[in-house]
Amino acid sequence: MTDRALAVVRAGALTTVQDTGRPGHAHLGVPRSGALDAPAAALVNRLVGNPPRAAVLETTLDGCALRPRSAVTVAVGGAPCPVTVGGRPAPWGAPVHVPAGALLEVGTAVSGVRAYVAVSGGIAVEPVLGSRSTDLLSGLGPPPLADGAVLPLGRPGVLHARVDAAPQPAPPAELVLRVVLGPRDDWFTPEAVRTFTSRTYRVSPASNRIGLRTDGPALARARTGELPSEGMVLGAVQVPPDGRPVVFLADHPTTGGYPVIGVARAADLPAAAQARPGTPVRFVAVRRR
């Protein structure tokens, strides 16, 4: 049995393996998937000397606990949280040496939602369609972590970064999503479109990797009936029958029959990954580039 492995002592509420995802397969009904906060995942990979596409762990709210079978370098980023190695405090947002057999604990997020754990060599589970990402909608990729699971690790590459800490954006106190209206904004009344782009919503506790759901004023339809299913993209803001906008994230379905009132810019979506339930959300209409 290889010593390049990581034992899962505590899996946490939801911890998954994620990389840059598997784009380009929507015509097969396969979502993009990948880390929701892609810049945070890229940064922790860089801190431990991994290539950008190396797989990391994405935790949700309460972290996880891991025990490497050989000495590794790790970095934890994304949502700020306490980190300990062998029961002693360790830095967040910086490379950390973890001896073989020592317990790495990633604690509950102080703010934000998702922390990212990079390990030197990367998580080396078997790729599916070119990606090691867990896709909660289609079931592709490895299952979410469970206590007692053992994850293989790749061989470390270049030396880790020589930094004390790397700056990272704070989780949003208010989530501002720039949206290009359409293609189905004409399915809503003019007043509903004004409401969508002027009123404040809040992140719903029902949000997940598939979509960020919102609570707030319902958007009234100008047209009845339903659309035939049509293609969906990352950032599409779909409006289901209850009238509350849903922002599609990495594990979103590739088709849908509810009208899309607008599409959020991809650059704003990493912040959506860190927006806790109750966070105010504003949709700001912008012109198509």
C-alpha atoms as a PDB file:
ATOM      1  CA  MET A   1       0.000   0.000   0.000  1.00  0.00           C
ATOM      2  CA  THR A   2       1.454   3.360  -0.981  1.00  0.00           C
ATOM      3  CA  ASP A   3       2.418   5.829   1.712  1.00  0.00           C
ATOM      4  CA  ARG A   4       1.327   8.691  -0.545  1.00  0.00           C
ATOM      5  CA  ALA A   5      -2.195   8.778   0.827  1.00  0.00           C
ATOM      6  CA  LEU A   6      -4.477  10.774   3.068  1.00  0.00           C
ATOM      7  CA  ALA A   7      -6.810   9.154   5.621  1.00  0.00           C
ATOM      8  CA  VAL A   8     -10.096  10.932   6.319  1.00  0.00           C
ATOM      9  CA  VAL A   9     -10.664  11.065  10.074  1.00  0.00           C
ATOM     10  CA  ARG A  10     -13.620  13.477   9.961  1.00  0.00           C
ATOM     11  CA  ALA A  11     -15.337  14.180   6.650  1.00  0.00           C
ATOM     12  CA  GLY A  12     -17.396  17.156   7.843  1.00  0.00           C
ATOM     13  CA  ALA A  13     -20.808  18.244   6.580  1.00  0.00           C
ATOM     14  CA  LEU A  14     -19.816  18.038   2.919  1.00  0.00           C
ATOM     15  CA  THR A  15     -16.253  17.679   1.674  1.00  0.00           C
ATOM     16  CA  THR A  16     -15.628  16.886  -1.976  1.00  0.00           C
ATOM     17  CA  VAL A  17     -12.702  16.509  -4.336  1.00  0.00           C
ATOM     18  CA  GLN A  18     -12.579  19.363  -6.846  1.00  0.00           C
ATOM     19  CA  ASP A  19     -10.294  20.620  -9.601  1.00  0.00           C
ATOM     20  CA  THR A  20     -10.930  22.956 -12.528  1.00  0.00           C
ATOM     21  CA  GLY A  21     -13.879  20.803 -13.643  1.00  0.00           C
ATOM     22  CA  ARG A  22     -14.903  19.144 -16.893  1.00  0.00           C
ATOM     23  CA  PRO A  23     -16.115  21.896 -19.251  1.00  0.00           C
ATOM     24  CA  GLY A  24     -17.015  21.085 -22.837  1.00  0.00           C
ATOM     25  CA  HIS A  25     -19.376  18.168 -22.201  1.00  0.00           C
ATOM     26  CA  ALA A  26     -22.701  20.015 -21.893  1.00  0.00           C
ATOM     27  CA  HIS A  27     -23.866  18.455 -25.173  1.00  0.00           C
ATOM     28  CA  LEU A  28     -23.633  15.097 -23.366  1.00  0.00           C
ATOM     29  CA  GLY A  29     -25.630  16.391 -20.401  1.00  0.00           C
ATOM     30  CA  VAL A  30     -22.529  16.603 -18.193  1.00  0.00           C
ATOM     31  CA  PRO A  31     -22.231  19.708 -15.978  1.00  0.00           C
ATOM     32  CA  ARG A  32     -19.019  21.682 -15.674  1.00  0.00           C
ATOM     33  CA  SER A  33     -18.490  21.028 -11.934  1.00  0.00           C
ATOM     34  CA  GLY A  34     -15.146  22.024 -10.352  1.00  0.00           C
ATOM     35  CA  ALA A  35     -14.303  24.219  -7.358  1.00  0.00           C
ATOM     36  CA  LEU A  36     -16.988  26.836  -6.685  1.00  0.00           C
ATOM     37  CA  ASP A  37     -14.380  29.346  -5.516  1.00  0.00           C
ATOM     38  CA  ALA A  38     -11.880  28.709  -8.301  1.00  0.00           C
ATOM     39  CA  PRO A  39      -9.436  31.504  -7.333  1.00  0.00           C
ATOM     40  CA  ALA A  40      -9.173  30.126  -3.793  1.00  0.00           C
ATOM     41  CA  ALA A  41      -8.495  26.606  -5.100  1.00  0.00           C
ATOM     42  CA  ALA A  42      -5.853  27.919  -7.522  1.00  0.00           C
ATOM     43  CA  LEU A  43      -4.134  29.876  -4.758  1.00  0.00           C
ATOM     44  CA  VAL A  44      -3.799  26.969  -2.301  1.00  0.00           C
ATOM     45  CA  ASN A  45      -2.438  24.803  -5.140  1.00  0.00           C
ATOM     46  CA  ARG A  46       0.153  27.469  -5.900  1.00  0.00           C
ATOM     47  CA  LEU A  47       1.119  27.711  -2.221  1.00  0.00           C
ATOM     48  CA  VAL A  48       2.032  24.004  -2.044  1.00  0.00           C
ATOM     49  CA  GLY A  49       3.716  23.885  -5.471  1.00  0.00           C
ATOM     50  CA  ASN A  50       0.953  22.050  -7.338  1.00  0.00           C
ATOM     51  CA  PRO A  51      -0.049  22.774 -10.950  1.00  0.00           C
ATOM     52  CA  PRO A  52      -3.307  24.758 -11.331  1.00  0.00           C
ATOM     53  CA  ARG A  53      -5.375  21.692 -12.338  1.00  0.00           C
ATOM     54  CA  ALA A  54      -4.378  19.593  -9.317  1.00  0.00           C
ATOM     55  CA  ALA A  55      -7.337  18.333  -7.286  1.00  0.00           C
ATOM     56  CA  VAL A  56      -8.001  19.834  -3.856  1.00  0.00           C
ATOM     57  CA  LEU A  57     -10.599  19.292  -1.149  1.00  0.00           C
ATOM     58  CA  GLU A  58     -13.579  21.650  -0.867  1.00  0.00           C
ATOM     59  CA  THR A  59     -15.153  21.705   2.606  1.00  0.00           C
ATOM     60  CA  THR A  60     -18.513  23.163   3.597  1.00  0.00           C
ATOM     61  CA  LEU A  61     -18.850  25.215   6.790  1.00  0.00           C
ATOM     62  CA  ASP A  62     -17.408  22.815   9.388  1.00  0.00           C
ATOM     63  CA  GLY A  63     -14.139  21.703   7.756  1.00  0.00           C
ATOM     64  CA  CYS A  64     -12.638  18.229   8.044  1.00  0.00           C
ATOM     65  CA  ALA A  65      -9.806  16.273   9.718  1.00  0.00           C
ATOM     66  CA  LEU A  66      -7.126  14.380   7.784  1.00  0.00           C
ATOM     67  CA  ARG A  67      -4.113  12.216   8.576  1.00  0.00           C
ATOM     68  CA  PRO A  68      -1.360  11.816   5.936  1.00  0.00           C
ATOM     69  CA  ARG A  69       0.607   8.582   5.752  1.00  0.00           C
ATOM     70  CA  SER A  70       3.739  10.469   4.722  1.00  0.00           C
ATOM     71  CA  ALA A  71       4.990  13.985   5.345  1.00  0.00           C
ATOM     72  CA  VAL A  72       3.196  16.519   3.155  1.00  0.00           C
ATOM     73  CA  THR A  73       2.855  20.258   2.664  1.00  0.00           C
ATOM     74  CA  VAL A  74      -0.686  21.590   2.884  1.00  0.00           C
ATOM     75  CA  ALA A  75      -2.366  24.961   2.505  1.00  0.00           C
ATOM     76  CA  VAL A  76      -5.877  25.932   3.588  1.00  0.00           C
ATOM     77  CA  GLY A  77      -7.644  28.916   2.000  1.00  0.00           C
ATOM     78  CA  GLY A  78     -11.043  30.157   0.899  1.00  0.00           C
ATOM     79  CA  ALA A  79     -13.277  30.622   3.950  1.00  0.00           C
ATOM     80  CA  PRO A  80     -11.177  31.757   6.951  1.00  0.00           C
ATOM     81  CA  CYS A  81     -11.040  29.009   9.573  1.00  0.00           C
ATOM     82  CA  PRO A  82      -8.792  27.680  12.376  1.00  0.00           C
ATOM     83  CA  VAL A  83      -6.133  25.156  11.328  1.00  0.00           C
ATOM     84  CA  THR A  84      -4.236  22.839  13.647  1.00  0.00           C
ATOM     85  CA  VAL A  85      -1.521  20.220  13.097  1.00  0.00           C
ATOM     86  CA  GLY A  86      -1.096  17.657  15.851  1.00  0.00           C
ATOM     87  CA  GLY A  87      -3.294  19.786  18.102  1.00  0.00           C
ATOM     88  CA  ARG A  88      -1.169  22.914  17.673  1.00  0.00           C
ATOM     89  CA  PRO A  89      -2.318  26.064  15.830  1.00  0.00           C
ATOM     90  CA  ALA A  90      -1.051  26.366  12.258  1.00  0.00           C
ATOM     91  CA  PRO A  91      -1.383  29.259   9.801  1.00  0.00           C
ATOM     92  CA  TRP A  92      -4.316  29.635   7.426  1.00  0.00           C
ATOM     93  CA  GLY A  93      -3.495  30.847   3.922  1.00  0.00           C
ATOM     94  CA  ALA A  94       0.122  29.679   4.001  1.00  0.00           C
ATOM     95  CA  PRO A  95       2.106  26.461   3.362  1.00  0.00           C
ATOM     96  CA  VAL A  96       2.205  24.160   6.400  1.00  0.00           C
ATOM     97  CA  HIS A  97       4.368  21.059   6.959  1.00  0.00           C
ATOM     98  CA  VAL A  98       2.370  18.085   8.242  1.00  0.00           C
ATOM     99  CA  PRO A  99       4.479  15.125   9.446  1.00  0.00           C
ATOM    100  CA  ALA A 100       3.457  11.553   8.638  1.00  0.00           C
ATOM    101  CA  GLY A 101       0.677  10.438  10.993  1.00  0.00           C
ATOM    102  CA  ALA A 102      -0.040  13.914  12.357  1.00  0.00           C
ATOM    103  CA  LEU A 103      -3.659  15.048  12.445  1.00  0.00           C
ATOM    104  CA  LEU A 104      -4.518  18.057  10.283  1.00  0.00           C
ATOM    105  CA  GLU A 105      -7.728  19.677  11.453  1.00  0.00           C
ATOM    106  CA  VAL A 106      -9.561  22.254   9.371  1.00  0.00           C
ATOM    107  CA  GLY A 107     -12.064  23.906  11.685  1.00  0.00           C
ATOM    108  CA  THR A 108     -15.429  25.602  11.284  1.00  0.00           C
ATOM    109  CA  ALA A 109     -15.427  28.607   8.979  1.00  0.00           C
ATOM    110  CA  VAL A 110     -15.280  31.893  10.871  1.00  0.00           C
ATOM    111  CA  SER A 111     -16.854  33.571   7.857  1.00  0.00           C
ATOM    112  CA  GLY A 112     -17.699  32.368   4.375  1.00  0.00           C
ATOM    113  CA  VAL A 113     -18.788  28.838   3.502  1.00  0.00           C
ATOM    114  CA  ARG A 114     -16.139  26.810   1.667  1.00  0.00           C
ATOM    115  CA  ALA A 115     -12.524  26.193   2.629  1.00  0.00           C
ATOM    116  CA  TYR A 116     -10.025  24.631   0.222  1.00  0.00           C
ATOM    117  CA  VAL A 117      -7.300  22.192   1.251  1.00  0.00           C
ATOM    118  CA  ALA A 118      -4.383  21.602  -1.127  1.00  0.00           C
ATOM    119  CA  VAL A 119      -1.884  18.820  -0.445  1.00  0.00           C
ATOM    120  CA  SER A 120       1.505  18.611  -2.161  1.00  0.00           C
ATOM    121  CA  GLY A 121       1.109  16.239  -5.105  1.00  0.00           C
ATOM    122  CA  GLY A 122      -2.651  16.785  -5.331  1.00  0.00           C
ATOM    123  CA  ILE A 123      -5.535  14.402  -4.632  1.00  0.00           C
ATOM    124  CA  ALA A 124      -4.915  11.606  -7.145  1.00  0.00           C
ATOM    125  CA  VAL A 125      -8.312   9.887  -7.389  1.00  0.00           C
ATOM    126  CA  GLU A 126      -9.157   8.395 -10.792  1.00  0.00           C
ATOM    127  CA  PRO A 127     -10.265  11.096 -13.276  1.00  0.00           C
ATOM    128  CA  VAL A 128     -13.599  10.859 -15.103  1.00  0.00           C
ATOM    129  CA  LEU A 129     -13.903  12.686 -18.451  1.00  0.00           C
ATOM    130  CA  GLY A 130     -10.595  14.389 -17.695  1.00  0.00           C
ATOM    131  CA  SER A 131     -11.502  15.690 -14.238  1.00  0.00           C
ATOM    132  CA  ARG A 132     -11.295  14.459 -10.641  1.00  0.00           C
ATOM    133  CA  SER A 133     -14.173  16.698  -9.537  1.00  0.00           C
ATOM    134  CA  THR A 134     -17.134  15.382  -7.582  1.00  0.00           C
ATOM    135  CA  ASP A 135     -20.350  16.331  -9.385  1.00  0.00           C
ATOM    136  CA  LEU A 136     -23.303  16.217  -7.011  1.00  0.00           C
ATOM    137  CA  LEU A 137     -25.910  16.485  -9.789  1.00  0.00           C
ATOM    138  CA  SER A 138     -24.721  13.779 -12.202  1.00  0.00           C
ATOM    139  CA  GLY A 139     -22.858  11.614  -9.682  1.00  0.00           C
ATOM    140  CA  LEU A 140     -19.672  11.663 -11.762  1.00  0.00           C
ATOM    141  CA  GLY A 141     -16.314  11.649 -10.004  1.00  0.00           C
ATOM    142  CA  PRO A 142     -15.522  10.385  -6.516  1.00  0.00           C
ATOM    143  CA  PRO A 143     -18.277  10.373  -3.883  1.00  0.00           C
ATOM    144  CA  PRO A 144     -18.247  13.024  -1.153  1.00  0.00           C
ATOM    145  CA  LEU A 145     -15.737  12.164   1.550  1.00  0.00           C
ATOM    146  CA  ALA A 146     -16.757   9.759   4.309  1.00  0.00           C
ATOM    147  CA  ASP A 147     -15.051   9.029   7.611  1.00  0.00           C
ATOM    148  CA  GLY A 148     -12.417   6.328   7.129  1.00  0.00           C
ATOM    149  CA  ALA A 149     -11.912   6.946   3.402  1.00  0.00           C
ATOM    150  CA  VAL A 150      -8.347   6.919   2.068  1.00  0.00           C
ATOM    151  CA  LEU A 151      -7.374   9.278  -0.752  1.00  0.00           C
ATOM    152  CA  PRO A 152      -4.302   8.627  -2.924  1.00  0.00           C
ATOM    153  CA  LEU A 153      -1.870  11.500  -3.412  1.00  0.00           C
ATOM    154  CA  GLY A 154       0.277  12.344  -6.413  1.00  0.00           C
ATOM    155  CA  ARG A 155       4.001  12.938  -6.287  1.00  0.00           C
ATOM    156  CA  PRO A 156       4.969  16.464  -5.226  1.00  0.00           C
ATOM    157  CA  GLY A 157       6.456  18.686  -7.902  1.00  0.00           C
ATOM    158  CA  VAL A 158       8.166  22.023  -7.411  1.00  0.00           C
ATOM    159  CA  LEU A 159       8.943  23.514  -4.014  1.00  0.00           C
ATOM    160  CA  HIS A 160       6.115  25.214  -2.157  1.00  0.00           C
ATOM    161  CA  ALA A 161       5.786  28.997  -2.050  1.00  0.00           C
ATOM    162  CA  ARG A 162       7.988  30.865   0.437  1.00  0.00           C
ATOM    163  CA  VAL A 163       5.377  33.144   1.982  1.00  0.00           C
ATOM    164  CA  ASP A 164       4.111  33.779   5.487  1.00  0.00           C
ATOM    165  CA  ALA A 165       0.573  34.417   4.261  1.00  0.00           C
ATOM    166  CA  ALA A 166      -1.123  35.073   0.930  1.00  0.00           C
ATOM    167  CA  PRO A 167      -3.818  37.772   0.686  1.00  0.00           C
ATOM    168  CA  GLN A 168      -7.276  36.487  -0.152  1.00  0.00           C
ATOM    169  CA  PRO A 169     -10.583  38.336  -0.584  1.00  0.00           C
ATOM    170  CA  ALA A 170     -12.909  38.329   2.406  1.00  0.00           C
ATOM    171  CA  PRO A 171     -16.268  36.569   2.074  1.00  0.00           C
ATOM    172  CA  PRO A 172     -18.905  39.069   0.952  1.00  0.00           C
ATOM    173  CA  ALA A 173     -20.912  41.080   3.478  1.00  0.00           C
ATOM    174  CA  GLU A 174     -23.155  41.830   0.478  1.00  0.00           C
ATOM    175  CA  LEU A 175     -23.134  39.772  -2.706  1.00  0.00           C
ATOM    176  CA  VAL A 176     -23.313  41.934  -5.828  1.00  0.00           C
ATOM    177  CA  LEU A 177     -23.905  40.006  -9.051  1.00  0.00           C
ATOM    178  CA  ARG A 178     -23.594  41.836 -12.371  1.00  0.00           C
ATOM    179  CA  VAL A 179     -26.111  40.355 -14.802  1.00  0.00           C
ATOM    180  CA  VAL A 180     -26.776  40.682 -18.495  1.00  0.00           C
ATOM    181  CA  LEU A 181     -30.555  40.594 -18.881  1.00  0.00           C
ATOM    182  CA  GLY A 182     -32.028  37.863 -21.077  1.00  0.00           C
ATOM    183  CA  PRO A 183     -32.561  35.717 -22.928  1.00  0.00           C
ATOM    184  CA  ARG A 184     -36.023  35.364 -21.344  1.00  0.00           C
ATOM    185  CA  ASP A 185     -36.497  38.657 -19.487  1.00  0.00           C
ATOM    186  CA  ASP A 186     -39.474  39.283 -21.774  1.00  0.00           C
ATOM    187  CA  TRP A 187     -41.271  36.485 -19.932  1.00  0.00           C
ATOM    188  CA  PHE A 188     -41.548  38.822 -16.921  1.00  0.00           C
ATOM    189  CA  THR A 189     -43.495  42.025 -16.385  1.00  0.00           C
ATOM    190  CA  PRO A 190     -41.572  45.311 -16.657  1.00  0.00           C
ATOM    191  CA  GLU A 191     -42.180  45.807 -12.939  1.00  0.00           C
ATOM    192  CA  ALA A 192     -40.693  42.369 -12.184  1.00  0.00           C
ATOM    193  CA  VAL A 193     -37.551  43.213 -14.169  1.00  0.00           C
ATOM    194  CA  ARG A 194     -37.236  46.481 -12.229  1.00  0.00           C
ATOM    195  CA  THR A 195     -37.702  44.567  -8.979  1.00  0.00           C
ATOM    196  CA  PHE A 196     -35.031  42.057  -9.977  1.00  0.00           C
ATOM    197  CA  THR A 197     -32.450  44.784 -10.606  1.00  0.00           C
ATOM    198  CA  SER A 198     -33.359  47.167  -7.774  1.00  0.00           C
ATOM    199  CA  ARG A 199     -34.505  45.187  -4.722  1.00  0.00           C
ATOM    200  CA  THR A 200     -32.329  43.284  -2.259  1.00  0.00           C
ATOM    201  CA  TYR A 201     -32.592  39.502  -1.954  1.00  0.00           C
ATOM    202  CA  ARG A 202     -30.915  37.222   0.567  1.00  0.00           C
ATOM    203  CA  VAL A 203     -29.066  33.927   0.199  1.00  0.00           C
ATOM    204  CA  SER A 204     -31.389  31.049   1.043  1.00  0.00           C
ATOM    205  CA  PRO A 205     -30.299  28.162   3.310  1.00  0.00           C
ATOM    206  CA  ALA A 206     -31.448  25.850   0.472  1.00  0.00           C
ATOM    207  CA  SER A 207     -28.435  26.912  -1.648  1.00  0.00           C
ATOM    208  CA  ASN A 208     -25.905  24.278  -2.692  1.00  0.00           C
ATOM    209  CA  ARG A 209     -23.291  23.522  -5.351  1.00  0.00           C
ATOM    210  CA  ILE A 210     -26.023  23.342  -8.000  1.00  0.00           C
ATOM    211  CA  GLY A 211     -27.417  26.785  -7.408  1.00  0.00           C
ATOM    212  CA  LEU A 212     -27.540  29.767  -5.082  1.00  0.00           C
ATOM    213  CA  ARG A 213     -31.182  30.155  -4.134  1.00  0.00           C
ATOM    214  CA  THR A 214     -32.549  33.472  -2.947  1.00  0.00           C
ATOM    215  CA  ASP A 215     -35.296  34.711  -0.641  1.00  0.00           C
ATOM    216  CA  GLY A 216     -37.031  37.955  -1.502  1.00  0.00           C
ATOM    217  CA  PRO A 217     -39.732  39.488  -3.684  1.00  0.00           C
ATOM    218  CA  ALA A 218     -41.271  37.108  -6.207  1.00  0.00           C
ATOM    219  CA  LEU A 219     -40.966  38.025  -9.878  1.00  0.00           C
ATOM    220  CA  ALA A 220     -44.293  38.103 -11.717  1.00  0.00           C
ATOM    221  CA  ARG A 221     -44.570  36.531 -15.154  1.00  0.00           C
ATOM    222  CA  ALA A 222     -45.866  38.348 -18.212  1.00  0.00           C
ATOM    223  CA  ARG A 223     -46.344  35.018 -20.007  1.00  0.00           C
ATOM    224  CA  THR A 224     -47.918  31.805 -18.784  1.00  0.00           C
ATOM    225  CA  GLY A 225     -46.923  28.272 -19.615  1.00  0.00           C
ATOM    226  CA  GLU A 226     -43.462  26.755 -19.678  1.00  0.00           C
ATOM    227  CA  LEU A 227     -40.598  26.800 -22.117  1.00  0.00           C
ATOM    228  CA  PRO A 228     -39.332  23.717 -23.873  1.00  0.00           C
ATOM    229  CA  SER A 229     -36.077  22.706 -22.209  1.00  0.00           C
ATOM    230  CA  GLU A 230     -33.153  24.794 -23.424  1.00  0.00           C
ATOM    231  CA  GLY A 231     -29.460  24.978 -22.673  1.00  0.00           C
ATOM    232  CA  MET A 232     -28.268  26.410 -19.352  1.00  0.00           C
ATOM    233  CA  VAL A 233     -24.914  28.066 -18.664  1.00  0.00           C
ATOM    234  CA  LEU A 234     -22.864  28.832 -15.579  1.00  0.00           C
ATOM    235  CA  GLY A 235     -24.302  31.940 -13.915  1.00  0.00           C
ATOM    236  CA  ALA A 236     -27.751  31.642 -15.504  1.00  0.00           C
ATOM    237  CA  VAL A 237     -30.392  33.185 -13.223  1.00  0.00           C
ATOM    238  CA  GLN A 238     -33.405  30.939 -13.574  1.00  0.00           C
ATOM    239  CA  VAL A 239     -36.773  31.808 -12.064  1.00  0.00           C
ATOM    240  CA  PRO A 240     -38.834  28.789 -10.925  1.00  0.00           C
ATOM    241  CA  PRO A 241     -42.610  28.959 -10.296  1.00  0.00           C
ATOM    242  CA  ASP A 242     -42.177  30.514  -6.812  1.00  0.00           C
ATOM    243  CA  GLY A 243     -40.678  33.603  -8.514  1.00  0.00           C
ATOM    244  CA  ARG A 244     -37.408  33.650  -6.506  1.00  0.00           C
ATOM    245  CA  PRO A 245     -34.228  33.798  -8.618  1.00  0.00           C
ATOM    246  CA  VAL A 246     -31.768  30.884  -8.569  1.00  0.00           C
ATOM    247  CA  VAL A 247     -28.177  31.475  -9.721  1.00  0.00           C
ATOM    248  CA  PHE A 248     -26.708  28.374 -11.356  1.00  0.00           C
ATOM    249  CA  LEU A 249     -23.310  27.332 -10.002  1.00  0.00           C
ATOM    250  CA  ALA A 250     -20.771  24.663 -11.013  1.00  0.00           C
ATOM    251  CA  ASP A 251     -22.999  21.565 -10.713  1.00  0.00           C
ATOM    252  CA  HIS A 252     -25.962  23.137 -12.528  1.00  0.00           C
ATOM    253  CA  PRO A 253     -28.090  21.133 -14.977  1.00  0.00           C
ATOM    254  CA  THR A 254     -27.209  21.558 -18.632  1.00  0.00           C
ATOM    255  CA  THR A 255     -30.837  22.121 -19.679  1.00  0.00           C
ATOM    256  CA  GLY A 256     -33.894  23.624 -18.021  1.00  0.00           C
ATOM    257  CA  GLY A 257     -37.462  24.670 -18.707  1.00  0.00           C
ATOM    258  CA  TYR A 258     -37.853  27.695 -16.421  1.00  0.00           C
ATOM    259  CA  PRO A 259     -37.125  31.116 -17.943  1.00  0.00           C
ATOM    260  CA  VAL A 260     -33.688  32.686 -17.432  1.00  0.00           C
ATOM    261  CA  ILE A 261     -34.100  36.375 -16.630  1.00  0.00           C
ATOM    262  CA  GLY A 262     -30.366  37.104 -16.845  1.00  0.00           C
ATOM    263  CA  VAL A 263     -26.858  35.667 -16.671  1.00  0.00           C
ATOM    264  CA  ALA A 264     -24.392  36.640 -13.931  1.00  0.00           C
ATOM    265  CA  ARG A 265     -20.818  37.390 -14.888  1.00  0.00           C
ATOM    266  CA  ALA A 266     -18.462  34.517 -14.153  1.00  0.00           C
ATOM    267  CA  ALA A 267     -16.053  36.840 -12.320  1.00  0.00           C
ATOM    268  CA  ASP A 268     -18.694  37.411  -9.612  1.00  0.00           C
ATOM    269  CA  LEU A 269     -19.441  33.738  -8.930  1.00  0.00           C
ATOM    270  CA  PRO A 270     -16.496  32.913  -6.611  1.00  0.00           C
ATOM    271  CA  ALA A 271     -17.984  35.361  -4.107  1.00  0.00           C
ATOM    272  CA  ALA A 272     -21.302  33.509  -4.417  1.00  0.00           C
ATOM    273  CA  ALA A 273     -19.504  30.356  -3.231  1.00  0.00           C
ATOM    274  CA  GLN A 274     -18.644  32.128   0.025  1.00  0.00           C
ATOM    275  CA  ALA A 275     -21.975  33.883   0.669  1.00  0.00           C
ATOM    276  CA  ARG A 276     -23.619  32.478   3.792  1.00  0.00           C
ATOM    277  CA  PRO A 277     -27.385  32.094   4.174  1.00  0.00           C
ATOM    278  CA  GLY A 278     -28.881  35.489   4.973  1.00  0.00           C
ATOM    279  CA  THR A 279     -26.239  37.433   3.029  1.00  0.00           C
ATOM    280  CA  PRO A 280     -27.861  40.302   1.074  1.00  0.00           C
ATOM    281  CA  VAL A 281     -27.818  39.809  -2.713  1.00  0.00           C
ATOM    282  CA  ARG A 282     -28.193  42.537  -5.328  1.00  0.00           C
ATOM    283  CA  PHE A 283     -28.515  41.935  -9.064  1.00  0.00           C
ATOM    284  CA  VAL A 284     -27.059  44.813 -11.102  1.00  0.00           C
ATOM    285  CA  ALA A 285     -27.943  44.985 -14.803  1.00  0.00           C
ATOM    286  CA  VAL A 286     -24.978  45.588 -17.110  1.00  0.00           C
ATOM    287  CA  ARG A 287     -24.589  45.644 -20.860  1.00  0.00           C
ATOM    288  CA  ARG A 288     -23.323  42.688 -22.799  1.00  0.00           C
ATOM    289  CA  ARG A 289     -19.651  43.068 -23.673  1.00  0.00           C
END
